[in-house]
Amino acid sequence: MITTIVIALFYLFVPAIVLRLCHLSKMADKIGAVLICYLVGMVFGALVINDERYAIPDTISTIMIPLALPMLLFEVNIRNWSKMAGKAFLSMLAGVFGLVIAVVLGYFLFRESVPETAKVSGMLAGVYTGGTPNLASIKTALGVPEDLYIAVNTVDMLISAAYLLFLLSYAKPLLSKILPPYQAKHGAQQIETNSLLQEEPKLALIPWLKKVKTRHILAAFGVTLLCAAGGAGLGLLVKNPAYQMAVIILSITTLGIIAANLKPVKKIQGSFDTGMYLILIFSVAVASMADFGDISSKLLPLIGLLSFVIFGSMLLHLLMCKLLRIDTDTAMVTSVALVCSPPFVPVVCGAIKNREVMISGITVGVVGYALGNYLGIAIAYFLQGI
């Protein structure tokens, strides 16, 4: 009993240590909290987790996604979607359409070499529309094995890093030869985005901890429990166990979006950060369950599939932006918002020296978080049915 409690506490508190490390160390911050949590989970699993203790991380990882998902969506405001610039909206549609084409083509090209190709394709559609939370949610919805999930996420980090490096270096001069230039609109939007580029100060431990608002966390947990319970109830109405978890995840997603537009929920601060903390707990737990002796054989075909999907969808996105006369800067921030998620939008905006497109880019990324689960699960079931 004591061993079970100690192991559970390890999973719950390791992400806090990792986040603090990333807060203080530039090197750790570059590596990323998710990857560090995976590495810690791998080592812990190899040293501590055996068949008798397997149920502990299995239970924790199963619980975390239904709890995290609504919190990640509480900051989604559907009313703000209408404020998205027209070109950014068209670029988002082009990006999602290009992604779907690339994922489907990738499925047919790699289905003989990549295991559970339909499920992997669904995860890729979700993560390259939204982000890591969508990848984790779709993994849970489709019942993807832990070792395959870790392998996909590891390769995703590598290929996404190469993609981001391209955007930060050669993309702007190269794409400017193909797409029209951005027409500057100086004004309120630029002033509004200035604060988003400011680096967070490295606070000492006590001030850093004081940033956590307990009442907001409790409020977020209260609402998310209602959403999770509602989603579980709707899922139990489905008699076929093959679709039950998918219905639960999609129901929780829908209830989270609905709750996000209620006035009391809008007042809750830090719900996204709390949800991401639960994703980090999930990451440590899942990594500790994976069979890493089987991962190495999956890496090479996964590198091929993910490279094809990322760069293939980027090429299709570029071609459609050319046809729609979407400017270079808008195309770039839309692409990075979909492929790498909203936090990377300010990074690209800084590299291309254009803050005016930041709000549109971040909005595209937030929309992607909301749509990723629907798109990913739909594509997975579509490909399984072919």
Protein backbone atom coordinates (compact mmCIF):
# COMPACT_ATOMS: atom_id res chain seq x y z
CA MET A 1 0.00 0.00 0.00
CA ILE A 2 2.79 2.43 0.96
CA THR A 3 4.67 1.54 -2.23
CA THR A 4 1.57 2.30 -4.31
CA ILE A 5 1.15 5.70 -2.64
CA VAL A 6 4.82 6.60 -3.13
CA ILE A 7 4.71 5.63 -6.82
CA ALA A 8 1.48 7.61 -7.35
CA LEU A 9 3.00 10.66 -5.65
CA PHE A 10 6.05 10.33 -7.89
CA TYR A 11 3.86 10.61 -10.98
CA LEU A 12 1.93 13.56 -9.53
CA PHE A 13 4.91 15.69 -8.48
CA VAL A 14 7.63 14.95 -11.05
CA PRO A 15 6.05 17.35 -13.60
CA ALA A 16 6.30 20.20 -11.05
CA ILE A 17 10.03 19.57 -10.70
CA VAL A 18 10.43 19.36 -14.48
CA LEU A 19 8.50 22.61 -15.03
CA ARG A 20 10.63 24.36 -12.42
CA LEU A 21 13.76 23.06 -14.13
CA CYS A 22 12.53 24.37 -17.50
CA HIS A 23 11.68 27.68 -15.83
CA LEU A 24 15.26 28.12 -14.58
CA SER A 25 17.36 26.39 -17.26
CA LYS A 26 17.51 27.53 -20.88
CA MET A 27 18.81 24.13 -21.95
CA ALA A 28 15.96 22.28 -20.22
CA ASP A 29 13.48 24.75 -21.69
CA LYS A 30 14.80 24.02 -25.19
CA ILE A 31 14.52 20.28 -24.63
CA GLY A 32 10.93 20.76 -23.45
CA ALA A 33 8.94 19.58 -20.44
CA VAL A 34 7.13 16.84 -22.37
CA LEU A 35 10.32 15.18 -23.61
CA ILE A 36 11.98 15.41 -20.18
CA CYS A 37 8.89 13.81 -18.61
CA TYR A 38 9.10 10.99 -21.16
CA LEU A 39 12.77 10.43 -20.34
CA VAL A 40 12.09 10.41 -16.60
CA GLY A 41 9.16 8.03 -17.12
CA MET A 42 11.31 5.67 -19.22
CA VAL A 43 13.99 5.43 -16.53
CA PHE A 44 11.44 5.07 -13.72
CA GLY A 45 9.56 2.38 -15.62
CA ALA A 46 12.73 0.39 -16.28
CA LEU A 47 13.83 0.57 -12.64
CA VAL A 48 10.57 0.42 -10.66
CA ILE A 49 7.52 -0.67 -12.68
CA ASN A 50 6.96 -4.41 -13.04
CA ASP A 51 3.91 -6.56 -13.80
CA GLU A 52 2.61 -6.20 -10.24
CA ARG A 53 2.87 -2.39 -10.29
CA TYR A 54 1.74 -1.89 -13.90
CA ALA A 55 -1.81 -1.04 -12.79
CA ILE A 56 -0.64 2.16 -11.06
CA PRO A 57 0.58 4.08 -14.16
CA ASP A 58 -2.17 2.44 -16.23
CA THR A 59 -4.86 3.87 -13.94
CA ILE A 60 -3.21 7.30 -13.71
CA SER A 61 -2.79 7.64 -17.50
CA THR A 62 -6.41 6.58 -18.06
CA ILE A 63 -7.72 9.21 -15.64
CA MET A 64 -5.54 12.13 -16.76
CA ILE A 65 -6.88 12.63 -20.30
CA PRO A 66 -10.61 12.98 -19.41
CA LEU A 67 -9.59 15.44 -16.68
CA ALA A 68 -7.09 17.42 -18.76
CA LEU A 69 -9.14 17.72 -21.95
CA PRO A 70 -11.89 20.09 -20.74
CA MET A 71 -9.37 22.38 -19.01
CA LEU A 72 -7.39 22.71 -22.22
CA LEU A 73 -10.56 23.85 -23.97
CA PHE A 74 -11.87 26.30 -21.36
CA GLU A 75 -9.95 29.14 -23.01
CA VAL A 76 -11.57 28.45 -26.39
CA ASN A 77 -14.03 31.23 -27.21
CA ILE A 78 -16.06 30.46 -30.31
CA ARG A 79 -17.17 34.10 -30.56
CA ASN A 80 -13.57 35.15 -31.13
CA TRP A 81 -13.23 32.89 -34.15
CA SER A 82 -15.26 35.37 -36.19
CA LYS A 83 -12.58 37.99 -35.51
CA MET A 84 -9.94 35.96 -37.31
CA ALA A 85 -8.59 37.77 -40.38
CA GLY A 86 -10.07 36.49 -43.63
CA LYS A 87 -6.71 35.50 -45.11
CA ALA A 88 -5.79 33.60 -41.93
CA PHE A 89 -9.09 31.71 -42.05
CA LEU A 90 -8.52 30.73 -45.68
CA SER A 91 -4.95 29.73 -44.86
CA MET A 92 -6.20 27.57 -41.97
CA LEU A 93 -8.67 25.79 -44.25
CA ALA A 94 -5.93 25.26 -46.83
CA GLY A 95 -3.59 23.91 -44.15
CA VAL A 96 -6.15 21.46 -42.77
CA PHE A 97 -7.14 20.31 -46.27
CA GLY A 98 -3.49 19.77 -47.21
CA LEU A 99 -2.94 17.84 -43.99
CA VAL A 100 -5.87 15.50 -44.65
CA ILE A 101 -4.58 14.75 -48.16
CA ALA A 102 -1.04 14.12 -46.87
CA VAL A 103 -2.26 11.87 -44.04
CA VAL A 104 -4.41 9.75 -46.37
CA LEU A 105 -1.62 9.42 -48.94
CA GLY A 106 0.85 8.60 -46.15
CA TYR A 107 -1.47 5.86 -44.92
CA PHE A 108 -1.40 4.09 -48.29
CA LEU A 109 2.36 4.55 -48.70
CA PHE A 110 3.36 3.30 -45.24
CA ARG A 111 0.58 0.93 -44.16
CA GLU A 112 2.77 -2.12 -44.80
CA SER A 113 5.64 -0.85 -42.64
CA VAL A 114 3.96 1.16 -39.86
CA PRO A 115 1.88 -0.83 -37.32
CA GLU A 116 -1.69 0.29 -36.60
CA THR A 117 -1.35 2.74 -39.51
CA ALA A 118 -4.94 3.96 -39.41
CA LYS A 119 -4.67 4.84 -35.71
CA VAL A 120 -1.28 6.50 -36.21
CA SER A 121 -2.73 8.50 -39.11
CA GLY A 122 -5.56 9.65 -36.87
CA MET A 123 -3.08 10.77 -34.21
CA LEU A 124 -1.07 12.69 -36.82
CA ALA A 125 -4.19 14.44 -38.12
CA GLY A 126 -5.02 15.48 -34.56
CA VAL A 127 -1.56 16.61 -33.47
CA TYR A 128 -0.90 18.60 -36.67
CA THR A 129 -4.23 20.35 -36.34
CA GLY A 130 -3.92 20.98 -32.60
CA GLY A 131 -1.03 19.73 -30.47
CA THR A 132 0.23 17.19 -27.93
CA PRO A 133 -3.06 17.20 -25.95
CA ASN A 134 -4.86 16.05 -29.10
CA LEU A 135 -2.26 13.34 -29.67
CA ALA A 136 -2.78 12.05 -26.14
CA SER A 137 -6.59 12.27 -26.38
CA ILE A 138 -6.72 10.37 -29.68
CA LYS A 139 -4.31 7.76 -28.30
CA THR A 140 -6.78 7.16 -25.46
CA ALA A 141 -9.82 7.21 -27.73
CA LEU A 142 -8.38 4.69 -30.19
CA GLY A 143 -6.56 2.46 -27.70
CA VAL A 144 -3.09 2.96 -29.22
CA PRO A 145 -0.39 0.86 -27.45
CA GLU A 146 1.90 2.83 -25.14
CA ASP A 147 5.13 1.95 -26.94
CA LEU A 148 3.72 3.01 -30.32
CA TYR A 149 2.40 6.26 -28.85
CA ILE A 150 5.81 7.09 -27.34
CA ALA A 151 7.52 6.24 -30.63
CA VAL A 152 5.16 8.52 -32.59
CA ASN A 153 5.59 11.37 -30.12
CA THR A 154 9.38 11.01 -30.06
CA VAL A 155 9.66 11.07 -33.86
CA ASP A 156 7.16 13.95 -33.97
CA MET A 157 9.45 16.04 -31.75
CA LEU A 158 12.44 15.35 -34.01
CA ILE A 159 10.69 16.07 -37.33
CA SER A 160 8.80 19.07 -35.92
CA ALA A 161 12.11 20.52 -34.70
CA ALA A 162 13.54 20.23 -38.22
CA TYR A 163 10.39 21.84 -39.63
CA LEU A 164 10.55 24.69 -37.11
CA LEU A 165 14.24 25.25 -37.85
CA PHE A 166 13.37 25.61 -41.53
CA LEU A 167 10.66 28.17 -40.73
CA LEU A 168 13.06 30.19 -38.57
CA SER A 169 15.86 30.21 -41.14
CA TYR A 170 15.27 29.79 -44.87
CA ALA A 171 11.48 29.75 -45.15
CA LYS A 172 10.81 33.52 -45.34
CA PRO A 173 13.18 34.35 -48.24
CA LEU A 174 12.24 31.14 -50.06
CA LEU A 175 8.47 31.48 -49.70
CA SER A 176 8.63 35.19 -50.56
CA LYS A 177 9.60 34.17 -54.10
CA ILE A 178 6.33 32.25 -54.41
CA LEU A 179 3.76 34.08 -52.26
CA PRO A 180 2.85 37.78 -52.22
CA PRO A 181 4.32 40.01 -49.47
CA TYR A 182 2.39 40.91 -46.33
CA GLN A 183 0.60 44.27 -46.42
CA ALA A 184 1.33 45.96 -43.09
CA LYS A 185 -1.59 47.21 -40.97
CA HIS A 186 -0.03 49.20 -38.12
CA GLY A 187 -2.32 49.91 -35.20
CA ALA A 188 -4.08 48.45 -32.22
CA GLN A 189 -3.40 44.83 -33.09
CA GLN A 190 0.35 45.36 -32.98
CA ILE A 191 0.11 47.08 -29.59
CA GLU A 192 -2.07 44.24 -28.29
CA THR A 193 0.54 41.62 -29.24
CA ASN A 194 3.60 43.36 -27.79
CA SER A 195 3.22 41.75 -24.38
CA LEU A 196 3.05 38.27 -25.92
CA LEU A 197 6.68 38.46 -26.99
CA GLN A 198 8.04 39.52 -23.63
CA GLU A 199 10.06 36.80 -21.89
CA GLU A 200 8.75 35.67 -18.51
CA PRO A 201 11.13 36.66 -15.70
CA LYS A 202 12.89 33.83 -13.87
CA LEU A 203 11.14 34.02 -10.50
CA ALA A 204 12.50 32.62 -7.26
CA LEU A 205 10.73 29.52 -5.95
CA ILE A 206 8.25 31.14 -3.53
CA PRO A 207 7.03 33.87 -5.95
CA TRP A 208 6.84 31.19 -8.67
CA LEU A 209 4.61 29.02 -6.48
CA LYS A 210 2.47 32.00 -5.51
CA LYS A 211 1.50 32.40 -9.17
CA VAL A 212 -0.65 29.29 -8.72
CA LYS A 213 -4.18 30.35 -7.78
CA THR A 214 -5.72 27.50 -5.76
CA ARG A 215 -9.31 28.73 -6.05
CA HIS A 216 -9.04 28.86 -9.85
CA ILE A 217 -7.57 25.35 -9.97
CA LEU A 218 -10.39 24.01 -7.77
CA ALA A 219 -12.97 25.76 -9.93
CA ALA A 220 -11.40 24.31 -13.09
CA PHE A 221 -11.43 20.83 -11.56
CA GLY A 222 -15.08 21.20 -10.55
CA VAL A 223 -16.20 22.07 -14.07
CA THR A 224 -13.94 19.50 -15.71
CA LEU A 225 -15.35 16.75 -13.46
CA LEU A 226 -18.84 17.63 -14.67
CA CYS A 227 -17.67 17.49 -18.31
CA ALA A 228 -15.85 14.19 -17.74
CA ALA A 229 -18.86 12.68 -15.98
CA GLY A 230 -21.17 13.84 -18.76
CA GLY A 231 -18.84 12.42 -21.43
CA ALA A 232 -18.56 9.11 -19.59
CA GLY A 233 -22.34 8.91 -19.28
CA LEU A 234 -22.82 9.47 -23.01
CA GLY A 235 -20.10 6.92 -23.76
CA LEU A 236 -21.86 4.26 -21.69
CA LEU A 237 -24.85 4.59 -24.00
CA VAL A 238 -22.71 3.09 -26.78
CA LYS A 239 -22.90 -0.68 -26.60
CA ASN A 240 -19.99 -1.42 -28.95
CA PRO A 241 -16.79 -1.26 -26.83
CA ALA A 242 -14.72 -0.54 -29.96
CA TYR A 243 -16.33 2.90 -30.23
CA GLN A 244 -17.08 3.60 -26.58
CA MET A 245 -13.85 5.43 -25.66
CA ALA A 246 -13.95 7.47 -28.87
CA VAL A 247 -17.47 8.66 -28.02
CA ILE A 248 -16.36 9.53 -24.47
CA ILE A 249 -13.42 11.64 -25.71
CA LEU A 250 -15.49 13.44 -28.36
CA SER A 251 -18.31 14.05 -25.85
CA ILE A 252 -15.87 15.53 -23.32
CA THR A 253 -14.40 17.69 -26.10
CA THR A 254 -17.85 19.00 -27.02
CA LEU A 255 -18.86 19.63 -23.41
CA GLY A 256 -15.55 21.41 -22.78
CA ILE A 257 -16.12 23.77 -25.71
CA ILE A 258 -19.68 24.47 -24.54
CA ALA A 259 -18.50 25.13 -20.98
CA ALA A 260 -15.76 27.46 -22.29
CA ASN A 261 -18.42 29.87 -23.52
CA LEU A 262 -20.25 30.13 -20.18
CA LYS A 263 -19.53 33.33 -18.23
CA PRO A 264 -18.50 31.67 -14.92
CA VAL A 265 -16.01 29.42 -16.74
CA LYS A 266 -14.52 32.36 -18.64
CA LYS A 267 -13.51 33.90 -15.30
CA ILE A 268 -11.37 30.88 -14.37
CA GLN A 269 -7.68 31.69 -14.89
CA GLY A 270 -4.91 29.20 -15.61
CA SER A 271 -7.12 26.32 -16.70
CA PHE A 272 -4.96 25.63 -19.75
CA ASP A 273 -1.78 25.47 -17.65
CA THR A 274 -3.50 23.11 -15.21
CA GLY A 275 -4.62 20.90 -18.10
CA MET A 276 -1.09 20.82 -19.51
CA TYR A 277 0.21 19.78 -16.07
CA LEU A 278 -2.13 16.78 -16.20
CA ILE A 279 -0.80 16.00 -19.70
CA LEU A 280 2.72 15.95 -18.23
CA ILE A 281 1.56 13.49 -15.53
CA PHE A 282 0.08 11.39 -18.35
CA SER A 283 3.41 11.58 -20.21
CA VAL A 284 5.43 10.28 -17.25
CA ALA A 285 2.93 7.46 -16.62
CA VAL A 286 2.68 6.35 -20.26
CA ALA A 287 6.46 6.41 -20.74
CA SER A 288 6.93 4.18 -17.70
CA MET A 289 4.64 1.52 -19.24
CA ALA A 290 6.17 1.39 -22.72
CA ASP A 291 8.09 -1.62 -24.01
CA PHE A 292 11.18 0.11 -25.38
CA GLY A 293 12.67 -3.08 -26.75
CA ASP A 294 9.99 -2.88 -29.46
CA ILE A 295 10.28 0.85 -30.20
CA SER A 296 13.53 0.82 -32.21
CA SER A 297 11.99 -1.32 -34.95
CA LYS A 298 9.20 1.25 -35.41
CA LEU A 299 11.34 4.40 -35.58
CA LEU A 300 12.59 4.26 -39.19
CA PRO A 301 9.18 3.78 -40.89
CA LEU A 302 7.66 6.35 -38.52
CA ILE A 303 10.35 8.88 -39.50
CA GLY A 304 9.37 8.32 -43.13
CA LEU A 305 5.63 8.66 -42.45
CA LEU A 306 5.87 11.76 -40.25
CA SER A 307 8.35 13.47 -42.61
CA PHE A 308 5.98 12.81 -45.51
CA VAL A 309 2.96 14.14 -43.60
CA ILE A 310 4.62 17.30 -42.23
CA PHE A 311 6.51 18.40 -45.33
CA GLY A 312 3.92 17.02 -47.75
CA SER A 313 1.10 18.93 -46.05
CA MET A 314 3.32 22.03 -45.96
CA LEU A 315 3.86 21.79 -49.73
CA LEU A 316 0.13 21.36 -50.40
CA HIS A 317 -0.60 24.27 -48.04
CA LEU A 318 1.89 26.41 -49.95
CA LEU A 319 0.35 25.55 -53.32
CA MET A 320 -3.16 26.43 -52.10
CA CYS A 321 -1.90 29.67 -50.55
CA LYS A 322 -0.44 30.52 -53.94
CA LEU A 323 -3.82 29.95 -55.60
CA LEU A 324 -5.65 31.94 -52.90
CA ARG A 325 -3.04 34.75 -52.97
CA ILE A 326 -2.33 34.43 -49.26
CA ASP A 327 0.76 36.34 -48.17
CA THR A 328 3.98 34.76 -46.92
CA ASP A 329 3.73 35.83 -43.27
CA THR A 330 0.13 34.65 -42.83
CA ALA A 331 0.92 31.31 -44.47
CA MET A 332 3.92 30.80 -42.17
CA VAL A 333 2.19 31.60 -38.86
CA THR A 334 -0.85 29.54 -39.86
CA SER A 335 1.36 26.58 -40.71
CA VAL A 336 3.34 26.73 -37.45
CA ALA A 337 0.12 27.16 -35.43
CA LEU A 338 -1.28 23.94 -36.90
CA VAL A 339 1.88 21.83 -36.94
CA CYS A 340 3.60 23.03 -33.73
CA SER A 341 0.69 24.59 -31.74
CA PRO A 342 0.07 28.23 -30.62
CA PRO A 343 3.09 28.71 -28.28
CA PHE A 344 5.39 28.65 -31.31
CA VAL A 345 3.54 31.44 -33.15
CA PRO A 346 5.34 34.28 -31.27
CA VAL A 347 8.66 32.58 -32.01
CA VAL A 348 8.02 32.66 -35.76
CA CYS A 349 6.58 36.18 -35.56
CA GLY A 350 9.81 37.30 -33.94
CA ALA A 351 11.90 35.60 -36.65
CA ILE A 352 9.97 37.21 -39.52
CA LYS A 353 9.73 40.55 -37.64
CA ASN A 354 5.97 40.82 -37.97
CA ARG A 355 3.84 40.98 -34.83
CA GLU A 356 0.66 41.95 -36.66
CA VAL A 357 -0.06 38.35 -37.70
CA MET A 358 0.38 36.96 -34.20
CA ILE A 359 -3.23 37.19 -33.04
CA SER A 360 -4.48 35.45 -36.19
CA GLY A 361 -1.86 32.73 -35.80
CA ILE A 362 -2.67 32.08 -32.16
CA THR A 363 -6.40 32.01 -32.96
CA VAL A 364 -5.78 29.40 -35.67
CA GLY A 365 -3.87 27.28 -33.15
CA VAL A 366 -6.64 27.50 -30.54
CA VAL A 367 -9.23 26.52 -33.17
CA GLY A 368 -6.94 23.59 -33.99
CA TYR A 369 -7.01 22.41 -30.38
CA ALA A 370 -10.82 22.31 -30.56
CA LEU A 371 -11.02 20.58 -33.95
CA GLY A 372 -8.11 18.15 -33.64
CA ASN A 373 -9.92 15.38 -31.77
CA TYR A 374 -12.89 15.35 -34.16
CA LEU A 375 -10.67 15.30 -37.25
CA GLY A 376 -8.19 12.73 -35.94
CA ILE A 377 -10.76 10.21 -34.75
CA ALA A 378 -12.85 10.62 -37.91
CA ILE A 379 -9.83 9.98 -40.16
CA ALA A 380 -8.75 6.94 -38.14
CA TYR A 381 -12.17 5.30 -38.45
CA PHE A 382 -12.42 6.29 -42.13
CA LEU A 383 -9.09 4.64 -42.94
CA GLN A 384 -9.96 1.55 -40.90
CA GLY A 385 -13.12 1.20 -42.96
CA ILE A 386 -11.38 1.34 -46.33
